[in-house]
Amino acid sequence: MSTNGKKASTTKAATPVQGAQEVGAPQAATPGGWFTCNVNMTGPAEDGTIYVHLREVNGAFDSWYTAAAAAKKELLATALTAISASLRVSAFLTTKDAYGTLNRLYVVR
C-alpha cells in the first residue's frame, strides 16, 4: 500500500520499440544544408510571404520553400535574377521538406 491508502500499481509502462514512432507523432524534419538548385518559380502570396520553387540538380527534392522574413525581398530578387539569366543557385535550407525556410540564396555561374 502507498502512503495515501491506495494500492500501488505494479503495472510497468510499455517500453517503446527502438525506431518506432507513436501514431500521430510529428515526423522529424529532413536535415537541410547547402544545395545547388534550379529556381522554377517564385513570387509573393497574398499575406506577403515569398515562395520559391526549387529543384535540386540531382533530384533530391523538387518543392516550394518560404523565404526567411528577414531577407524576403533580397531572396525574391536573387530568385528572379536566376530565372531571368537561366542560372543555378546555391541555396541554404533549414530542411529539405516542402515549405521549409529558405535562408540564403546565391546565383551560381
Protein backbone atom coordinates (compact mmCIF):
# COMPACT_ATOMS: atom_id res chain seq x y z
CA MET A 1 0.00 0.00 0.00
CA SER A 2 1.11 3.52 -0.68
CA THR A 3 1.11 6.30 1.87
CA ASN A 4 -2.30 7.59 0.68
CA GLY A 5 -4.03 4.29 1.48
CA LYS A 6 -4.41 3.12 -2.12
CA LYS A 7 -2.77 0.05 -3.53
CA ALA A 8 0.38 0.89 -5.52
CA SER A 9 0.27 -0.06 -9.18
CA THR A 10 2.54 -2.90 -10.21
CA THR A 11 1.91 -2.47 -13.97
CA LYS A 12 5.04 -1.49 -15.85
CA ALA A 13 4.90 1.02 -18.68
CA ALA A 14 5.43 -0.44 -22.12
CA THR A 15 8.91 0.08 -23.49
CA PRO A 16 8.91 1.87 -26.86
CA VAL A 17 10.33 -0.10 -29.76
CA GLN A 18 13.58 1.44 -30.97
CA GLY A 19 12.98 3.49 -34.10
CA ALA A 20 9.17 3.27 -33.89
CA GLN A 21 7.04 6.41 -33.80
CA GLU A 22 3.79 6.92 -31.97
CA VAL A 23 0.69 7.20 -34.12
CA GLY A 24 0.05 10.89 -34.75
CA ALA A 25 3.51 11.91 -33.54
CA PRO A 26 5.12 14.61 -35.68
CA GLN A 27 7.83 13.41 -38.05
CA ALA A 28 11.32 14.83 -37.66
CA ALA A 29 12.27 17.30 -40.38
CA THR A 30 14.70 16.17 -43.04
CA PRO A 31 18.01 17.95 -42.42
CA GLY A 32 18.76 20.94 -44.59
CA GLY A 33 22.04 22.48 -45.69
CA TRP A 34 23.53 23.90 -48.89
CA PHE A 35 22.18 22.65 -52.22
CA THR A 36 22.69 23.54 -55.89
CA CYS A 37 19.29 24.12 -57.44
CA ASN A 38 17.30 25.47 -60.35
CA VAL A 39 14.68 28.09 -59.48
CA ASN A 40 11.48 27.04 -61.28
CA MET A 41 9.07 29.68 -59.95
CA THR A 42 8.93 32.42 -57.36
CA GLY A 43 6.61 35.14 -56.13
CA PRO A 44 4.55 36.60 -53.28
CA ALA A 45 1.40 35.25 -51.65
CA GLU A 46 -1.49 37.44 -50.51
CA ASP A 47 -0.09 37.60 -46.98
CA GLY A 48 3.32 38.86 -48.19
CA THR A 49 5.10 35.52 -47.83
CA ILE A 50 7.62 34.92 -50.62
CA TYR A 51 7.62 31.42 -52.08
CA VAL A 52 10.45 29.95 -54.14
CA HIS A 53 10.13 26.66 -56.01
CA LEU A 54 13.49 24.87 -56.10
CA ARG A 55 14.61 21.68 -57.83
CA GLU A 56 17.88 20.20 -56.61
CA VAL A 57 20.07 19.40 -59.65
CA ASN A 58 20.45 15.70 -58.72
CA GLY A 59 16.73 15.29 -58.00
CA ALA A 60 16.96 15.14 -54.19
CA PHE A 61 13.90 17.42 -53.97
CA ASP A 62 11.54 19.48 -56.13
CA SER A 63 9.47 21.65 -53.77
CA TRP A 64 8.26 25.04 -52.65
CA TYR A 65 10.12 26.88 -49.86
CA THR A 66 9.32 30.05 -47.93
CA ALA A 67 11.83 32.88 -47.92
CA ALA A 68 13.10 33.90 -44.47
CA ALA A 69 11.18 37.00 -43.42
CA ALA A 70 14.33 38.98 -42.58
CA ALA A 71 15.59 38.78 -46.19
CA LYS A 72 12.48 38.04 -48.24
CA LYS A 73 12.91 40.93 -50.72
CA GLU A 74 16.55 40.04 -51.32
CA LEU A 75 15.74 36.34 -51.75
CA LEU A 76 12.98 37.20 -54.23
CA ALA A 77 15.37 39.45 -56.20
CA THR A 78 18.02 36.71 -56.29
CA ALA A 79 15.50 34.07 -57.38
CA LEU A 80 14.18 36.33 -60.16
CA THR A 81 17.75 37.03 -61.32
CA ALA A 82 18.47 33.29 -61.52
CA ILE A 83 15.30 32.68 -63.53
CA SER A 84 15.84 35.55 -65.96
CA ALA A 85 19.53 34.65 -66.53
CA SER A 86 18.90 30.86 -66.66
CA LEU A 87 21.47 30.31 -63.90
CA ARG A 88 21.51 27.91 -60.98
CA VAL A 89 21.57 28.94 -57.33
CA SER A 90 23.27 27.76 -54.20
CA ALA A 91 20.51 27.60 -51.57
CA PHE A 92 20.70 27.18 -47.81
CA LEU A 93 17.57 25.45 -46.46
CA THR A 94 16.66 24.66 -42.85
CA THR A 95 15.09 21.43 -44.12
CA LYS A 96 14.62 19.70 -47.48
CA ASP A 97 10.96 19.19 -46.59
CA ALA A 98 8.43 21.15 -48.64
CA TYR A 99 7.63 24.64 -47.33
CA GLY A 100 10.77 24.72 -45.20
CA THR A 101 12.62 28.01 -44.78
CA LEU A 102 14.99 29.31 -47.45
CA ASN A 103 17.67 31.28 -45.60
CA ARG A 104 20.33 32.12 -48.20
CA LEU A 105 20.38 32.16 -51.99
CA TYR A 106 23.35 32.88 -54.27
CA VAL A 107 23.37 32.90 -58.06
CA VAL A 108 25.97 30.47 -59.46
CA ARG A 109 27.66 30.85 -62.84
